[in-house]
Protein backbone atom coordinates (compact mmCIF):
# COMPACT_ATOMS: atom_id res chain seq x y z
CA MET A 1 0.00 0.01 0.00
CA ARG A 2 2.89 2.37 0.67
CA PRO A 3 3.34 3.67 -2.90
CA MET A 4 -0.39 4.50 -3.01
CA GLU A 5 -0.80 6.07 0.43
CA ALA A 6 -1.50 9.55 -0.90
CA GLU A 7 -3.95 8.37 -3.57
CA LEU A 8 -5.80 6.15 -1.12
CA SER A 9 -6.03 8.89 1.48
CA LEU A 10 -7.29 11.47 -1.01
CA CYS A 11 -9.92 9.05 -2.39
CA HIS A 12 -11.04 8.32 1.15
CA VAL A 13 -11.75 11.94 2.08
CA GLN A 14 -13.37 12.84 -1.27
CA LYS A 15 -16.66 11.31 -0.05
CA TRP A 16 -16.90 14.12 2.48
CA LEU A 17 -16.44 16.92 0.00
CA ALA A 18 -18.86 18.77 -2.28
CA LYS A 19 -17.96 17.84 -5.84
CA ASP A 20 -18.12 21.49 -6.92
CA GLY A 21 -16.39 22.77 -3.78
CA PRO A 22 -12.98 24.44 -3.66
CA VAL A 23 -11.18 21.69 -1.72
CA TYR A 24 -12.39 18.91 -4.02
CA LEU A 25 -11.47 20.87 -7.12
CA ALA A 26 -8.05 21.74 -5.72
CA MET A 27 -7.51 18.08 -4.92
CA ARG A 28 -8.31 17.06 -8.49
CA GLU A 29 -5.82 19.60 -9.83
CA MET A 30 -2.89 18.38 -7.73
CA PRO A 31 0.00 17.21 -9.95
CA THR A 32 1.02 13.57 -9.46
CA ILE A 33 4.54 14.58 -8.45
CA GLU A 34 3.15 16.42 -5.42
CA LEU A 35 1.71 13.17 -4.10
CA ASP A 36 5.17 11.65 -3.71
CA VAL A 37 5.54 12.89 -0.15
CA ILE A 38 7.67 9.91 0.83
CA ALA A 39 10.54 10.88 -1.45
CA ARG A 40 9.83 14.63 -1.29
CA PRO A 41 8.19 15.29 2.08
CA GLY A 42 6.49 18.68 2.23
CA ALA A 43 7.63 19.59 -1.29
CA SER A 44 4.19 20.61 -2.55
CA SER A 45 4.47 23.75 -4.62
CA LEU A 46 1.20 25.11 -3.27
CA MET A 47 0.44 25.59 0.42
CA SER A 48 -3.16 24.51 -0.12
CA HIS A 49 -1.99 21.20 -1.64
CA GLN A 50 0.21 20.54 1.37
CA ILE A 51 -2.68 21.22 3.75
CA ILE A 52 -5.03 19.03 1.73
CA LEU A 53 -2.50 16.18 1.81
CA SER A 54 -2.09 16.51 5.58
CA PHE A 55 -5.89 16.54 5.97
CA ALA A 56 -6.23 13.39 3.85
CA PHE A 57 -3.43 11.49 5.62
CA ILE A 58 -4.73 12.37 9.09
CA VAL A 59 -8.36 11.43 8.43
CA PHE A 60 -7.52 8.25 6.52
CA GLY A 61 -4.92 7.18 9.06
CA ILE A 62 -7.22 7.72 12.04
CA GLN A 63 -10.37 6.22 10.51
CA GLN A 64 -8.56 3.22 9.02
CA GLY A 65 -6.27 2.54 11.97
CA GLN A 66 -3.08 3.35 10.02
CA ALA A 67 -0.96 5.12 12.64
CA SER A 68 2.05 5.62 10.37
CA ILE A 69 -0.06 7.43 7.76
CA ALA A 70 -1.70 9.61 10.41
CA HIS A 71 1.75 10.44 11.81
CA LYS A 72 2.89 11.48 8.35
CA GLY A 73 -0.19 13.69 8.08
CA TRP A 74 0.54 15.39 11.41
CA ALA A 75 4.11 16.10 10.28
CA LEU A 76 2.79 17.75 7.11
CA TYR A 77 0.16 19.56 9.16
CA GLY A 78 2.79 21.35 11.29
CA LYS A 79 4.72 22.50 8.25
CA ALA A 80 1.53 23.59 6.47
CA LEU A 81 0.36 25.65 9.43
CA THR A 82 3.71 27.44 9.49
CA ARG A 83 3.27 28.33 5.82
CA LEU A 84 -0.31 29.47 6.36
CA ASN A 85 0.65 31.69 9.31
CA GLY A 86 3.34 33.21 7.13
CA ALA A 87 0.84 33.91 4.37
CA LEU A 88 -1.61 35.48 6.79
CA SER A 89 1.09 37.75 8.22
CA ASP A 90 1.40 39.26 4.76
CA PRO A 91 -0.97 42.31 4.63
CA THR A 92 -2.15 41.14 1.19
CA GLY A 93 -2.16 37.41 1.94
CA TYR A 94 -5.93 37.29 2.36
CA ALA A 95 -6.33 37.99 -1.36
CA ARG A 96 -4.67 34.72 -2.40
CA ASP A 97 -7.11 32.01 -3.42
CA GLU A 98 -4.97 29.25 -1.92
CA VAL A 99 -5.18 30.89 1.49
CA CYS A 100 -8.96 30.61 1.35
CA VAL A 101 -8.82 26.99 0.14
CA SER A 102 -6.32 26.15 2.87
CA VAL A 103 -8.55 27.45 5.65
CA ILE A 104 -11.53 25.53 4.24
CA ALA A 105 -9.41 22.35 4.18
CA LEU A 106 -8.44 22.90 7.83
CA THR A 107 -12.11 23.31 8.67
CA CYS A 108 -12.82 19.96 7.00
CA LEU A 109 -10.06 18.41 9.08
CA GLU A 110 -11.59 19.78 12.30
CA MET A 111 -14.94 18.30 11.34
CA LEU A 112 -13.56 14.80 10.80
CA ALA A 113 -10.58 14.68 13.18
CA PRO A 114 -10.84 17.54 15.68
CA THR A 115 -7.61 18.78 17.19
CA SER A 116 -9.62 20.67 19.86
CA PRO A 117 -13.33 21.47 20.39
CA GLU A 118 -12.83 25.14 19.47
CA ASN A 119 -10.64 24.92 16.38
CA ARG A 120 -13.43 24.22 13.87
CA ILE A 121 -15.23 27.41 14.84
CA ARG A 122 -11.96 29.34 14.90
CA HIS A 123 -11.13 28.31 11.34
CA ILE A 124 -14.59 29.25 10.10
CA VAL A 125 -14.42 32.62 11.85
CA GLY A 126 -11.03 33.14 10.21
CA LEU A 127 -12.46 32.15 6.82
CA GLU A 128 -15.29 34.62 7.19
CA ARG A 129 -12.80 37.35 8.09
CA ILE A 130 -10.82 36.60 4.92
CA LEU A 131 -13.96 36.76 2.80
CA ASP A 132 -14.96 40.05 4.43
CA LEU A 133 -11.54 41.57 3.82
CA ARG A 134 -11.75 40.61 0.14
CA GLY A 135 -15.19 42.20 0.01
CA PRO A 136 -18.38 41.06 -1.77
CA HIS A 137 -17.18 42.45 -5.12
CA ALA A 138 -14.52 39.72 -5.21
CA TYR A 139 -17.23 37.07 -5.60
CA CYS A 140 -18.93 38.35 -8.73
CA SER A 141 -17.16 35.84 -11.03
CA ASP A 142 -18.37 32.24 -11.41
CA GLU A 143 -15.16 30.77 -9.98
CA HIS A 144 -15.05 32.87 -6.83
CA PHE A 145 -18.80 32.81 -6.26
CA ASP A 146 -18.66 29.02 -6.02
CA VAL A 147 -16.24 29.35 -3.11
CA LEU A 148 -18.65 31.66 -1.33
CA ASN A 149 -21.68 29.54 -2.11
CA CYS A 150 -20.03 26.39 -0.73
CA THR A 151 -19.14 28.03 2.56
CA THR A 152 -22.44 29.68 3.55
CA ILE A 153 -23.53 26.74 5.73
CA LEU A 154 -20.16 26.77 7.51
CA MET A 155 -20.46 30.49 8.23
CA PHE A 156 -24.04 30.11 9.50
CA ASP A 157 -22.91 27.30 11.80
CA ALA A 158 -20.11 29.38 13.32
CA SER A 159 -22.17 32.57 13.68
CA LEU A 160 -25.13 30.84 15.29
CA HIS A 161 -22.93 29.01 17.79
CA THR A 162 -20.79 32.05 18.65
CA ALA A 163 -23.77 34.46 18.59
CA LYS A 164 -21.90 36.81 16.26
CA PRO A 165 -23.50 38.38 13.19
CA SER A 166 -22.60 36.73 9.91
CA ILE A 167 -21.29 38.90 7.08
CA LEU A 168 -24.08 37.29 5.02
CA ALA A 169 -26.55 39.38 6.99
CA LYS A 170 -25.07 42.57 5.51
CA PRO A 171 -27.04 44.12 2.61
CA GLU A 172 -24.03 44.16 0.31
CA TRP A 173 -23.45 40.43 0.73
CA LYS A 174 -27.11 39.63 0.28
CA THR A 175 -26.98 41.64 -2.97
CA VAL A 176 -24.11 39.46 -4.25
CA MET A 177 -26.01 36.27 -3.46
CA TRP A 178 -29.18 37.49 -5.11
CA ALA A 179 -27.31 38.65 -8.22
CA ARG A 180 -26.26 35.04 -8.90
CA CYS A 181 -29.60 33.52 -7.84
CA SER A 182 -31.85 31.89 -10.45
CA ASP A 183 -35.65 32.02 -10.24
CA GLU A 184 -35.63 28.38 -9.18
CA ASP A 185 -33.40 29.14 -6.20
CA ALA A 186 -35.14 32.32 -5.07
CA LEU A 187 -36.97 30.67 -2.17
CA LYS A 188 -33.80 28.94 -1.05
CA GLN A 189 -32.00 32.28 -0.99
CA GLU A 190 -34.85 33.83 0.99
CA LEU A 191 -34.38 31.11 3.61
CA HIS A 192 -30.64 31.81 3.74
CA ASP A 193 -31.32 35.51 4.25
CA LEU A 194 -33.59 34.69 7.20
CA ILE A 195 -30.93 32.42 8.74
CA ALA A 196 -28.40 35.24 8.33
CA ASP A 197 -30.77 37.59 10.15
CA CYS A 198 -31.01 35.05 12.96
CA THR A 199 -27.28 35.42 13.59
CA VAL A 200 -27.80 39.12 14.22
CA LEU A 201 -30.45 38.47 16.88
CA GLY A 202 -28.16 36.03 18.68
CA ALA A 203 -25.57 38.77 18.99
CA GLU A 204 -28.17 41.25 20.26
CA ARG A 205 -29.32 38.78 22.92
CA ASN A 206 -25.81 38.43 24.28
CA ALA A 207 -25.26 42.19 24.23
CA ILE A 208 -28.46 42.87 26.15
CA ALA A 209 -27.78 40.07 28.62
CA GLY A 210 -24.48 41.77 29.47
CA MET A 211 -26.17 45.10 30.19
CA SER A 212 -27.26 43.97 33.64
CA SER A 213 -23.63 44.04 34.79
CA ARG A 214 -23.19 47.63 33.66
CA ASN A 215 -24.65 50.91 34.82
CA THR A 216 -27.66 50.89 32.54
CA SER A 217 -31.04 52.39 33.39
CA HIS A 218 -33.78 49.88 34.08
CA LEU A 219 -36.11 51.58 31.59
CA GLY A 220 -33.54 51.49 28.79
CA HIS A 221 -32.74 47.88 29.57
CA THR A 222 -36.41 46.90 29.50
CA ARG A 223 -37.04 48.65 26.18
CA GLN A 224 -34.14 46.83 24.55
CA ARG A 225 -35.37 43.52 25.96
CA ASP A 226 -38.85 44.14 24.58
CA ALA A 227 -37.43 45.18 21.21
CA LEU A 228 -35.39 41.95 21.02
CA GLU A 229 -38.47 39.87 21.84
CA HIS A 230 -40.45 41.59 19.10
CA LYS A 231 -37.66 41.00 16.60
CA ALA A 232 -37.37 37.31 17.50
CA LEU A 233 -41.11 36.72 17.25
CA ASP A 234 -41.26 38.64 13.97
CA LEU A 235 -38.38 36.59 12.56
CA ARG A 236 -40.12 33.38 13.57
CA ALA A 237 -43.27 34.53 11.81
CA GLN A 238 -41.19 35.28 8.68
CA PHE A 239 -39.83 31.72 8.74
CA PHE A 240 -43.32 30.27 8.80
CA ALA A 241 -44.55 32.69 6.12
CA TRP A 242 -41.63 31.45 4.00
CA LYS A 243 -42.72 27.83 4.70
CA GLN A 244 -46.23 28.57 3.45
CA ARG A 245 -44.84 29.88 0.17
CA TRP A 246 -42.53 26.88 -0.09
CA ASP A 247 -45.44 24.46 0.44
CA ARG A 248 -47.34 25.87 -2.53
CA ASN A 249 -45.29 23.56 -4.71
CA PRO A 250 -46.59 20.04 -3.88
CA GLY A 251 -43.23 18.55 -4.79
CA ASN A 252 -41.61 20.35 -1.87
CA SER A 253 -43.72 18.67 0.81
CA PRO A 254 -42.45 15.50 2.49
CA ILE A 255 -44.22 12.22 1.73
CA VAL A 256 -44.96 10.07 4.76
CA SER A 257 -43.79 6.51 4.28
CA GLU A 258 -43.83 3.48 6.57
CA PRO A 259 -43.63 4.07 10.34
CA LEU A 260 -40.41 3.26 12.15
CA ARG A 261 -40.34 -0.04 13.97
CA GLU A 262 -39.41 1.48 17.33
CA ASN A 263 -42.11 4.15 17.27
CA GLN A 264 -45.32 3.54 15.34
CA GLU A 265 -46.29 7.21 15.56
CA LEU A 266 -43.09 8.48 13.88
CA SER A 267 -42.94 7.93 10.12
CA ARG A 268 -40.10 8.41 7.71
CA TYR A 269 -40.20 11.10 5.06
CA GLY A 270 -39.60 10.86 1.34
CA PHE A 271 -39.50 13.63 -1.26
CA LEU A 272 -40.45 13.90 -4.93
CA ILE A 273 -37.75 16.51 -5.59
CA GLU A 274 -34.25 15.85 -4.27
CA PRO A 275 -33.30 19.45 -3.37
CA ALA A 276 -36.51 19.78 -1.33
CA ALA A 277 -35.13 17.41 1.30
CA ALA A 278 -32.05 19.52 2.01
CA ILE A 279 -34.09 22.72 2.15
CA TYR A 280 -36.71 21.13 4.44
CA MET A 281 -33.91 20.14 6.84
CA ALA A 282 -32.29 23.58 6.64
CA PHE A 283 -35.64 25.17 7.53
CA HIS A 284 -36.01 23.04 10.65
CA THR A 285 -32.38 23.62 11.60
CA ALA A 286 -33.17 27.35 11.49
CA LEU A 287 -36.23 26.70 13.72
CA ILE A 288 -33.93 25.04 16.24
CA PHE A 289 -31.92 28.22 16.56
CA VAL A 290 -34.95 30.58 16.55
CA HIS A 291 -36.64 28.69 19.39
CA ARG A 292 -33.33 28.30 21.23
CA LEU A 293 -32.94 32.06 21.01
CA LEU A 294 -36.40 32.64 22.46
CA ALA A 295 -35.88 30.04 25.18
CA THR A 296 -32.57 31.52 26.31
CA ILE A 297 -33.79 35.09 26.78
CA PRO A 298 -33.62 35.70 30.56
CA GLU A 299 -36.95 35.73 32.31
CA GLU A 300 -37.09 39.47 32.78
CA MET A 301 -36.69 39.92 29.03
CA ILE A 302 -39.96 38.12 28.28
CA GLY A 303 -42.71 40.72 28.06
CA THR A 304 -46.31 40.41 29.19
CA ARG A 305 -48.20 41.46 26.08
CA SER A 306 -51.05 39.34 24.75
CA ALA A 307 -50.36 36.46 22.39
CA GLU A 308 -49.93 37.16 18.70
CA PRO A 309 -52.32 35.51 16.19
CA SER A 310 -51.40 31.87 15.72
CA ASN A 311 -50.87 30.01 12.46
CA GLU A 312 -53.22 27.02 12.27
CA GLU A 313 -50.63 24.79 10.62
CA TYR A 314 -47.97 25.42 13.29
CA PRO A 315 -50.00 26.37 16.40
CA VAL A 316 -47.25 25.63 18.94
CA GLN A 317 -44.41 27.21 17.03
CA THR A 318 -46.01 30.39 15.75
CA ALA A 319 -48.24 31.52 18.61
CA ARG A 320 -46.60 33.59 21.32
CA LEU A 321 -46.96 31.23 24.22
CA SER A 322 -49.04 32.40 27.14
CA GLY A 323 -48.62 31.72 30.85
CA THR A 324 -45.59 32.27 33.04
CA ALA A 325 -42.15 33.03 31.68
CA GLN A 326 -41.02 29.50 32.56
CA THR A 327 -44.01 27.99 30.79
CA ARG A 328 -43.20 29.95 27.65
CA LYS A 329 -39.55 28.87 27.83
CA ASP A 330 -40.60 25.25 28.15
CA GLY A 331 -42.85 25.68 25.12
CA TYR A 332 -40.01 27.10 23.03
CA ARG A 333 -37.73 24.25 24.08
CA ALA A 334 -40.45 21.77 23.10
CA ALA A 335 -40.72 23.44 19.70
CA GLU A 336 -36.93 23.16 19.33
CA GLN A 337 -37.18 19.43 20.06
CA LEU A 338 -39.98 19.03 17.48
CA ALA A 339 -37.82 20.65 14.82
CA ALA A 340 -35.02 18.17 15.63
CA VAL A 341 -37.43 15.26 15.28
CA GLU A 342 -38.53 16.52 11.86
CA ILE A 343 -34.89 16.44 10.77
CA SER A 344 -34.49 12.86 12.02
CA ARG A 345 -37.48 11.77 9.92
CA CYS A 346 -35.55 12.87 6.80
CA ILE A 347 -32.43 10.82 7.61
CA PRO A 348 -33.32 7.61 5.70
CA TYR A 349 -34.13 9.50 2.49
CA ASN A 350 -31.02 11.68 2.57
CA SER A 351 -28.69 8.84 3.63
CA ASN A 352 -29.94 6.52 0.90
CA LEU A 353 -29.73 9.34 -1.65
CA ALA A 354 -26.08 10.05 -0.79
CA ALA A 355 -25.18 6.35 -0.78
CA THR A 356 -26.94 5.62 -4.08
CA ALA A 357 -25.58 8.65 -5.89
CA GLN A 358 -22.13 8.20 -4.26
CA SER A 359 -22.15 11.94 -3.80
CA GLY A 360 -20.99 11.92 -0.19
CA THR A 361 -22.35 13.76 2.81
CA SER A 362 -23.57 17.27 1.95
CA SER A 363 -22.71 20.10 4.30
CA ALA A 364 -26.43 20.98 4.64
CA PHE A 365 -27.30 17.42 5.69
CA ALA A 366 -24.40 17.20 8.14
CA TRP A 367 -25.27 20.64 9.59
CA ALA A 368 -28.89 19.64 10.13
CA VAL A 369 -28.13 16.26 11.68
CA LEU A 370 -25.41 17.57 13.99
CA ASN A 371 -27.68 20.31 15.35
CA ALA A 372 -30.64 17.96 15.71
CA TRP A 373 -28.33 15.52 17.51
CA GLU A 374 -27.23 18.25 19.89
CA THR A 375 -30.82 19.36 20.50
CA VAL A 376 -32.17 15.93 21.47
CA GLY A 377 -29.25 15.21 23.80
CA GLY A 378 -27.10 12.91 21.66
CA SER A 379 -26.75 9.23 22.48
CA ALA A 380 -28.00 9.87 26.02
CA SER A 381 -31.53 10.23 24.61
CA ALA A 382 -33.84 7.74 22.91
CA GLU A 383 -34.24 10.07 19.91
CA GLY A 384 -30.46 10.40 19.58
CA ARG A 385 -30.01 6.62 19.56
CA ARG A 386 -32.79 6.37 16.98
CA MET A 387 -30.98 8.86 14.77
CA LEU A 388 -27.85 6.71 14.95
CA ASP A 389 -29.79 3.58 14.05
CA LEU A 390 -31.39 5.35 11.09
CA LEU A 391 -28.02 6.50 9.79
CA ARG A 392 -26.35 3.13 10.11
CA ALA A 393 -29.30 1.27 8.55
CA ASN A 394 -29.55 3.56 5.54
CA GLY A 395 -26.00 4.02 4.31
CA GLY A 396 -25.31 7.02 6.52
CA GLU A 397 -22.20 5.65 8.23
CA ASP A 398 -20.24 8.75 7.26
CA THR A 399 -22.63 11.00 9.15
CA ALA A 400 -22.77 8.57 12.06
CA THR A 401 -18.98 8.91 12.23
CA LEU A 402 -19.37 12.67 12.45
CA LEU A 403 -21.68 12.26 15.43
CA GLU A 404 -19.21 9.91 17.07
CA VAL A 405 -16.38 12.39 16.60
CA HIS A 406 -18.38 15.28 18.00
CA SER A 407 -20.14 13.46 20.84
CA PRO A 408 -17.96 11.91 23.56
CA ALA A 409 -21.08 10.32 25.08
CA LEU A 410 -21.40 8.13 21.99
CA ALA A 411 -18.32 6.11 22.90
CA SER A 412 -20.16 4.55 25.85
CA ALA A 413 -23.51 4.18 24.10
């Protein structure tokens, strides 16, 4: 196997990568001579190629129990980081395409073989900073727009978890996305805009929560709390208004198939149109964060106004819950759990689709499943264990591996 270590490692990690994504395309363009890292260790002419090789060796070596290959990957990893730090110290380094590709490759590594719990988010935050420095005008061409389009889910993930506004919430970035958006993708882009707006509210919640430790007037504090509540409820209403427009196309709605053996009341979902499954899961992932936002507003932030008109299709999620502050928080947490369950019902369809098409695990699918997994409590919960069973029974071993990597509790399950 030794002469083919690089080729085997690269083929192994390709199943995790979007076929039109920057890391996959860079991998396909690597000259054969650069794969001969045994005779020419670290001699890759491009920094991004060196980082991609280290990523491939580390993941393949760890997942296949090949310690010598993983060790070779870590050696390349150290050298590659030194080169990347040097490039970033250059005031114009952010403008180099290979710097952007390198950071994306490091993010992929942290997803599959984390070096620390925080590094994945750090790399994504760094990537977003690079994109922001380059400015939205840099992504007007087809080639560079594809880089941006492939990283939106990553940036949403980091922003929602760090409660920092995404650059995609800025009008100038929304304009770039809409300029490249076809009529068929208009509703998908509307959903992405709403998710971007959700990142802004998360940052506002944290800012207001910190006001109590400063010399801020009670009246001013209360007004800002009330304004945040109104914004969160309005954003939630916008999500469900979007869902009503989305449902006007019958092909977008899930088709209920046979019930699961372990729970006769919970059926699996199928879809007539393949892209509808990913968008359906992205919608419910967004609901997880919207309801988590509402549930984590401190009690004194929750106002006492009367309930807003409810939506008959989503009575629990859309109505402003009445009762005590704790009752409303419990209701929002229940709605968050329901959104996670909706994602789990899509797992068989998406897993079988990826396995049949040999297209690998999409970032949207992985994002949805990881957040649903976190919401239900991982392998410590019955729903979490059911999600694992669904993945393993339907060709979703890759995603099950992701859960194992990011959930220490799984090791004892």
